[in-house]
Amino acid sequence: MKRTVLYIEDQYHNRRLVEKALTSRGYEVLLAEDGVVGWEMVRAYHPPLLLLDIALPGALDGLAVAARVKEDAALGDIWIIAVTASAMHGDRERFLRHGCDDYLSKPLQMQQLLAKVDAFFERQVQA
């Protein structure tokens, strides 16, 4: 299985931090700065794992991207981790209802992010 992660995030600094952390672990990291570009990359590359900022600018926010991924039979197997500063009561459940499979709150704790990504790929290898 390819160890590719697509991170859709509008904040440059966040994209670079996550890219450095994941590439140091041997992952291939694809980056998109908004939902429109991210959606195109999901369709083009079909990454096994999508890290998805929810508050994206432009025509497609993170929830819209998640919904499109899960509604597409060819892409529905992509695992989506919502990455967001929204940490209010009920937010996690709302993201899961909209197609996300897991959730991480910002500011990101790199060890927690790496643990979730590693666990995802370990499950895939065992499956």
N, C-alpha and C. Protein backbone atom coordinates (compact mmCIF):
# COMPACT_ATOMS: atom_id res chain seq x y z
N MET A 1 0.84 -1.19 0.00
CA MET A 1 0.00 0.00 0.00
C MET A 1 0.88 1.25 0.00
N LYS A 2 0.49 2.20 -0.82
CA LYS A 2 1.24 3.45 -0.83
C LYS A 2 1.01 4.22 0.46
N ARG A 3 2.05 4.84 0.94
CA ARG A 3 2.00 5.59 2.20
C ARG A 3 1.89 7.08 1.87
N THR A 4 0.80 7.43 1.19
CA THR A 4 0.58 8.79 0.75
C THR A 4 -0.49 9.46 1.60
N VAL A 5 -0.20 10.71 1.97
CA VAL A 5 -1.13 11.51 2.74
C VAL A 5 -1.34 12.82 1.98
N LEU A 6 -2.60 13.19 1.78
CA LEU A 6 -2.93 14.50 1.21
C LEU A 6 -3.40 15.38 2.36
N TYR A 7 -2.77 16.54 2.48
CA TYR A 7 -3.15 17.50 3.53
C TYR A 7 -3.72 18.73 2.85
N ILE A 8 -5.00 19.00 3.08
CA ILE A 8 -5.66 20.18 2.54
C ILE A 8 -5.76 21.19 3.67
N GLU A 9 -5.03 22.28 3.54
CA GLU A 9 -4.89 23.28 4.61
C GLU A 9 -4.55 24.62 3.99
N ASP A 10 -5.27 25.67 4.39
CA ASP A 10 -5.02 26.97 3.81
C ASP A 10 -3.85 27.71 4.45
N GLN A 11 -3.42 27.34 5.64
CA GLN A 11 -2.33 28.02 6.32
C GLN A 11 -0.98 27.40 5.93
N TYR A 12 -0.16 28.20 5.27
CA TYR A 12 1.13 27.73 4.77
C TYR A 12 1.98 27.11 5.89
N HIS A 13 2.08 27.78 7.01
CA HIS A 13 2.91 27.30 8.12
C HIS A 13 2.46 25.91 8.58
N ASN A 14 1.16 25.71 8.70
CA ASN A 14 0.64 24.40 9.11
C ASN A 14 0.98 23.32 8.08
N ARG A 15 0.84 23.66 6.80
CA ARG A 15 1.17 22.70 5.74
C ARG A 15 2.63 22.27 5.84
N ARG A 16 3.52 23.24 6.01
CA ARG A 16 4.95 22.93 6.07
C ARG A 16 5.30 22.09 7.29
N LEU A 17 4.75 22.41 8.45
CA LEU A 17 5.04 21.64 9.66
C LEU A 17 4.61 20.18 9.51
N VAL A 18 3.41 19.97 9.02
CA VAL A 18 2.90 18.62 8.85
C VAL A 18 3.71 17.89 7.78
N GLU A 19 4.02 18.57 6.69
CA GLU A 19 4.82 17.95 5.63
C GLU A 19 6.16 17.47 6.18
N LYS A 20 6.85 18.32 6.93
CA LYS A 20 8.16 17.94 7.48
C LYS A 20 8.04 16.75 8.43
N ALA A 21 7.03 16.79 9.31
CA ALA A 21 6.86 15.70 10.28
C ALA A 21 6.58 14.38 9.58
N LEU A 22 5.71 14.39 8.58
CA LEU A 22 5.33 13.15 7.91
C LEU A 22 6.42 12.64 6.97
N THR A 23 7.08 13.53 6.24
CA THR A 23 8.14 13.07 5.35
C THR A 23 9.31 12.49 6.15
N SER A 24 9.54 13.01 7.35
CA SER A 24 10.61 12.46 8.18
C SER A 24 10.30 11.03 8.60
N ARG A 25 9.03 10.64 8.54
CA ARG A 25 8.61 9.29 8.86
C ARG A 25 8.49 8.40 7.61
N GLY A 26 8.83 8.96 6.46
CA GLY A 26 8.81 8.17 5.23
C GLY A 26 7.52 8.24 4.44
N TYR A 27 6.61 9.11 4.83
CA TYR A 27 5.37 9.26 4.09
C TYR A 27 5.57 10.19 2.89
N GLU A 28 4.82 9.92 1.84
CA GLU A 28 4.74 10.85 0.72
C GLU A 28 3.61 11.81 1.06
N VAL A 29 3.89 13.11 1.00
CA VAL A 29 2.90 14.11 1.40
C VAL A 29 2.55 14.98 0.20
N LEU A 30 1.26 15.05 -0.09
CA LEU A 30 0.73 15.95 -1.11
C LEU A 30 0.05 17.10 -0.38
N LEU A 31 0.18 18.31 -0.92
CA LEU A 31 -0.37 19.48 -0.24
C LEU A 31 -1.31 20.25 -1.16
N ALA A 32 -2.40 20.73 -0.57
CA ALA A 32 -3.34 21.60 -1.29
C ALA A 32 -3.73 22.74 -0.36
N GLU A 33 -3.88 23.93 -0.93
CA GLU A 33 -4.15 25.11 -0.12
C GLU A 33 -5.62 25.49 -0.02
N ASP A 34 -6.48 24.81 -0.76
CA ASP A 34 -7.91 25.07 -0.64
C ASP A 34 -8.71 23.84 -1.06
N GLY A 35 -10.01 23.90 -0.86
CA GLY A 35 -10.86 22.76 -1.13
C GLY A 35 -10.97 22.39 -2.60
N VAL A 36 -10.95 23.38 -3.47
CA VAL A 36 -11.08 23.12 -4.90
C VAL A 36 -9.86 22.36 -5.41
N VAL A 37 -8.68 22.86 -5.09
CA VAL A 37 -7.44 22.18 -5.49
C VAL A 37 -7.35 20.82 -4.80
N GLY A 38 -7.72 20.79 -3.53
CA GLY A 38 -7.69 19.53 -2.79
C GLY A 38 -8.59 18.48 -3.40
N TRP A 39 -9.80 18.86 -3.77
CA TRP A 39 -10.74 17.92 -4.39
C TRP A 39 -10.17 17.37 -5.70
N GLU A 40 -9.56 18.25 -6.50
CA GLU A 40 -8.93 17.80 -7.75
C GLU A 40 -7.81 16.80 -7.46
N MET A 41 -7.04 17.05 -6.40
CA MET A 41 -5.94 16.15 -6.05
C MET A 41 -6.45 14.82 -5.50
N VAL A 42 -7.54 14.86 -4.75
CA VAL A 42 -8.15 13.61 -4.28
C VAL A 42 -8.51 12.74 -5.47
N ARG A 43 -9.15 13.33 -6.45
CA ARG A 43 -9.58 12.58 -7.63
C ARG A 43 -8.39 12.10 -8.46
N ALA A 44 -7.35 12.91 -8.57
CA ALA A 44 -6.20 12.56 -9.40
C ALA A 44 -5.31 11.50 -8.75
N TYR A 45 -5.12 11.58 -7.43
CA TYR A 45 -4.14 10.72 -6.76
C TYR A 45 -4.75 9.63 -5.89
N HIS A 46 -6.00 9.74 -5.52
CA HIS A 46 -6.68 8.77 -4.66
C HIS A 46 -5.78 8.35 -3.48
N PRO A 47 -5.42 9.32 -2.63
CA PRO A 47 -4.56 8.98 -1.50
C PRO A 47 -5.33 8.15 -0.48
N PRO A 48 -4.67 7.22 0.21
CA PRO A 48 -5.39 6.43 1.21
C PRO A 48 -5.82 7.25 2.42
N LEU A 49 -5.09 8.35 2.70
CA LEU A 49 -5.38 9.16 3.89
C LEU A 49 -5.44 10.63 3.52
N LEU A 50 -6.48 11.29 4.02
CA LEU A 50 -6.69 12.72 3.79
C LEU A 50 -6.75 13.43 5.13
N LEU A 51 -5.83 14.38 5.34
CA LEU A 51 -5.90 15.29 6.48
C LEU A 51 -6.60 16.53 5.97
N LEU A 52 -7.69 16.91 6.59
CA LEU A 52 -8.58 17.91 6.01
C LEU A 52 -8.93 19.00 6.99
N ASP A 53 -8.43 20.21 6.70
CA ASP A 53 -8.85 21.38 7.47
C ASP A 53 -10.32 21.63 7.16
N ILE A 54 -11.09 21.93 8.15
CA ILE A 54 -12.52 22.14 7.93
C ILE A 54 -12.83 23.56 7.46
N ALA A 55 -12.14 24.55 8.01
CA ALA A 55 -12.40 25.96 7.67
C ALA A 55 -11.53 26.40 6.50
N LEU A 56 -11.88 25.95 5.31
CA LEU A 56 -11.14 26.31 4.11
C LEU A 56 -11.83 27.47 3.40
N PRO A 57 -11.04 28.36 2.80
CA PRO A 57 -11.64 29.47 2.04
C PRO A 57 -12.15 29.00 0.68
N GLY A 58 -12.99 29.79 0.09
CA GLY A 58 -13.41 29.52 -1.28
C GLY A 58 -14.67 28.70 -1.39
N ALA A 59 -14.84 28.11 -2.56
CA ALA A 59 -16.09 27.44 -2.91
C ALA A 59 -16.33 26.14 -2.16
N LEU A 60 -15.27 25.46 -1.73
CA LEU A 60 -15.44 24.18 -1.03
C LEU A 60 -14.75 24.23 0.33
N ASP A 61 -15.53 24.15 1.40
CA ASP A 61 -14.91 24.03 2.71
C ASP A 61 -14.64 22.56 2.99
N GLY A 62 -14.05 22.26 4.12
CA GLY A 62 -13.68 20.89 4.43
C GLY A 62 -14.84 19.93 4.48
N LEU A 63 -15.97 20.35 5.02
CA LEU A 63 -17.13 19.46 5.09
C LEU A 63 -17.65 19.12 3.70
N ALA A 64 -17.59 20.09 2.79
CA ALA A 64 -18.02 19.83 1.41
C ALA A 64 -17.07 18.84 0.73
N VAL A 65 -15.78 18.99 0.98
CA VAL A 65 -14.81 18.05 0.40
C VAL A 65 -15.06 16.65 0.96
N ALA A 66 -15.23 16.56 2.28
CA ALA A 66 -15.47 15.25 2.92
C ALA A 66 -16.72 14.59 2.33
N ALA A 67 -17.78 15.36 2.17
CA ALA A 67 -19.02 14.81 1.63
C ALA A 67 -18.81 14.30 0.21
N ARG A 68 -18.09 15.06 -0.62
CA ARG A 68 -17.85 14.63 -2.00
C ARG A 68 -17.04 13.33 -2.04
N VAL A 69 -16.04 13.24 -1.17
CA VAL A 69 -15.21 12.03 -1.14
C VAL A 69 -16.07 10.83 -0.78
N LYS A 70 -16.85 10.94 0.28
CA LYS A 70 -17.62 9.79 0.76
C LYS A 70 -18.78 9.44 -0.16
N GLU A 71 -19.27 10.40 -0.94
CA GLU A 71 -20.37 10.13 -1.87
C GLU A 71 -19.90 9.47 -3.16
N ASP A 72 -18.61 9.55 -3.44
CA ASP A 72 -18.05 9.00 -4.67
C ASP A 72 -17.63 7.55 -4.41
N ALA A 73 -18.27 6.62 -5.07
CA ALA A 73 -18.00 5.19 -4.83
C ALA A 73 -16.54 4.83 -5.07
N ALA A 74 -15.89 5.50 -6.01
CA ALA A 74 -14.49 5.21 -6.31
C ALA A 74 -13.53 5.77 -5.26
N LEU A 75 -14.00 6.71 -4.44
CA LEU A 75 -13.13 7.37 -3.47
C LEU A 75 -13.53 7.11 -2.02
N GLY A 76 -14.67 6.47 -1.82
CA GLY A 76 -15.23 6.31 -0.48
C GLY A 76 -14.36 5.58 0.51
N ASP A 77 -13.33 4.87 0.03
CA ASP A 77 -12.44 4.15 0.95
C ASP A 77 -11.35 5.05 1.54
N ILE A 78 -11.26 6.29 1.10
CA ILE A 78 -10.26 7.21 1.64
C ILE A 78 -10.63 7.56 3.07
N TRP A 79 -9.67 7.42 3.97
CA TRP A 79 -9.85 7.74 5.38
C TRP A 79 -9.62 9.23 5.56
N ILE A 80 -10.55 9.92 6.21
CA ILE A 80 -10.47 11.37 6.37
C ILE A 80 -10.34 11.71 7.84
N ILE A 81 -9.28 12.46 8.16
CA ILE A 81 -9.11 12.99 9.50
C ILE A 81 -9.34 14.50 9.43
N ALA A 82 -10.38 14.97 10.10
CA ALA A 82 -10.65 16.40 10.19
C ALA A 82 -9.58 17.03 11.07
N VAL A 83 -9.04 18.15 10.62
CA VAL A 83 -8.04 18.89 11.37
C VAL A 83 -8.57 20.31 11.49
N THR A 84 -8.96 20.70 12.71
CA THR A 84 -9.65 21.97 12.82
C THR A 84 -9.48 22.61 14.19
N ALA A 85 -9.63 23.90 14.22
CA ALA A 85 -9.60 24.64 15.48
C ALA A 85 -10.96 24.57 16.18
N SER A 86 -11.97 24.08 15.50
CA SER A 86 -13.30 23.95 16.10
C SER A 86 -13.29 22.82 17.11
N ALA A 87 -13.37 23.18 18.36
CA ALA A 87 -13.33 22.17 19.42
C ALA A 87 -14.49 22.36 20.39
N MET A 88 -15.59 22.86 19.88
CA MET A 88 -16.77 23.05 20.71
C MET A 88 -17.48 21.72 20.91
N HIS A 89 -18.28 21.66 21.94
CA HIS A 89 -19.05 20.45 22.23
C HIS A 89 -19.91 20.11 21.00
N GLY A 90 -19.80 18.90 20.52
CA GLY A 90 -20.59 18.45 19.39
C GLY A 90 -19.89 18.57 18.04
N ASP A 91 -18.78 19.30 17.98
CA ASP A 91 -18.09 19.47 16.70
C ASP A 91 -17.59 18.14 16.16
N ARG A 92 -16.95 17.35 17.01
CA ARG A 92 -16.41 16.07 16.56
C ARG A 92 -17.51 15.22 15.92
N GLU A 93 -18.64 15.13 16.58
CA GLU A 93 -19.76 14.34 16.08
C GLU A 93 -20.28 14.90 14.75
N ARG A 94 -20.31 16.22 14.65
CA ARG A 94 -20.76 16.86 13.40
C ARG A 94 -19.83 16.51 12.25
N PHE A 95 -18.51 16.54 12.50
CA PHE A 95 -17.56 16.20 11.45
C PHE A 95 -17.69 14.74 11.05
N LEU A 96 -17.91 13.87 12.01
CA LEU A 96 -18.08 12.45 11.70
C LEU A 96 -19.35 12.22 10.89
N ARG A 97 -20.41 12.94 11.21
CA ARG A 97 -21.66 12.83 10.44
C ARG A 97 -21.48 13.27 8.99
N HIS A 98 -20.57 14.20 8.76
CA HIS A 98 -20.35 14.71 7.40
C HIS A 98 -19.32 13.91 6.62
N GLY A 99 -18.88 12.77 7.15
CA GLY A 99 -18.01 11.90 6.38
C GLY A 99 -16.59 11.75 6.88
N CYS A 100 -16.20 12.55 7.87
CA CYS A 100 -14.86 12.40 8.41
C CYS A 100 -14.82 11.13 9.27
N ASP A 101 -13.68 10.47 9.28
CA ASP A 101 -13.52 9.22 10.03
C ASP A 101 -12.86 9.43 11.38
N ASP A 102 -12.19 10.55 11.54
CA ASP A 102 -11.49 10.85 12.80
C ASP A 102 -11.33 12.36 12.89
N TYR A 103 -10.72 12.81 13.98
CA TYR A 103 -10.69 14.23 14.28
C TYR A 103 -9.43 14.57 15.08
N LEU A 104 -8.81 15.67 14.72
CA LEU A 104 -7.70 16.25 15.49
C LEU A 104 -7.97 17.74 15.65
N SER A 105 -7.76 18.26 16.85
CA SER A 105 -7.98 19.69 17.05
C SER A 105 -6.66 20.45 16.92
N LYS A 106 -6.79 21.68 16.50
CA LYS A 106 -5.65 22.59 16.41
C LYS A 106 -5.57 23.39 17.71
N PRO A 107 -4.40 23.82 18.11
CA PRO A 107 -3.14 23.60 17.43
C PRO A 107 -2.75 22.13 17.48
N LEU A 108 -2.19 21.67 16.37
CA LEU A 108 -1.84 20.26 16.26
C LEU A 108 -0.71 19.89 17.21
N GLN A 109 -0.88 18.76 17.85
CA GLN A 109 0.19 18.15 18.63
C GLN A 109 0.81 17.11 17.70
N MET A 110 2.06 17.35 17.28
CA MET A 110 2.68 16.49 16.26
C MET A 110 2.73 15.02 16.68
N GLN A 111 2.99 14.73 17.93
CA GLN A 111 3.03 13.33 18.35
C GLN A 111 1.67 12.67 18.19
N GLN A 112 0.61 13.41 18.49
CA GLN A 112 -0.74 12.87 18.33
C GLN A 112 -1.05 12.65 16.84
N LEU A 113 -0.68 13.60 16.01
CA LEU A 113 -0.89 13.47 14.56
C LEU A 113 -0.13 12.26 14.02
N LEU A 114 1.14 12.15 14.37
CA LEU A 114 1.96 11.04 13.89
C LEU A 114 1.40 9.71 14.37
N ALA A 115 0.93 9.67 15.61
CA ALA A 115 0.37 8.42 16.14
C ALA A 115 -0.87 8.01 15.35
N LYS A 116 -1.74 8.96 14.99
CA LYS A 116 -2.95 8.63 14.22
C LYS A 116 -2.59 8.17 12.81
N VAL A 117 -1.65 8.85 12.18
CA VAL A 117 -1.25 8.48 10.82
C VAL A 117 -0.59 7.11 10.83
N ASP A 118 0.35 6.90 11.76
CA ASP A 118 1.01 5.60 11.86
C ASP A 118 0.00 4.49 12.11
N ALA A 119 -0.95 4.73 13.02
CA ALA A 119 -1.96 3.71 13.34
C ALA A 119 -2.81 3.39 12.12
N PHE A 120 -3.17 4.42 11.34
CA PHE A 120 -3.97 4.18 10.13
C PHE A 120 -3.22 3.24 9.19
N PHE A 121 -1.96 3.54 8.89
CA PHE A 121 -1.23 2.72 7.94
C PHE A 121 -0.91 1.34 8.50
N GLU A 122 -0.71 1.22 9.80
CA GLU A 122 -0.51 -0.10 10.41
C GLU A 122 -1.75 -0.97 10.25
N ARG A 123 -2.93 -0.37 10.43
CA ARG A 123 -4.19 -1.11 10.23
C ARG A 123 -4.32 -1.56 8.79
N GLN A 124 -3.91 -0.72 7.86
CA GLN A 124 -4.01 -1.07 6.44
C GLN A 124 -3.12 -2.25 6.09
N VAL A 125 -1.95 -2.28 6.66
CA VAL A 125 -1.00 -3.38 6.41
C VAL A 125 -1.56 -4.68 6.96
N GLN A 126 -2.21 -4.61 8.12
CA GLN A 126 -2.73 -5.81 8.77
C GLN A 126 -4.01 -6.31 8.11
N ALA A 127 -4.70 -5.45 7.41
CA ALA A 127 -5.99 -5.81 6.79
C ALA A 127 -5.81 -6.71 5.60
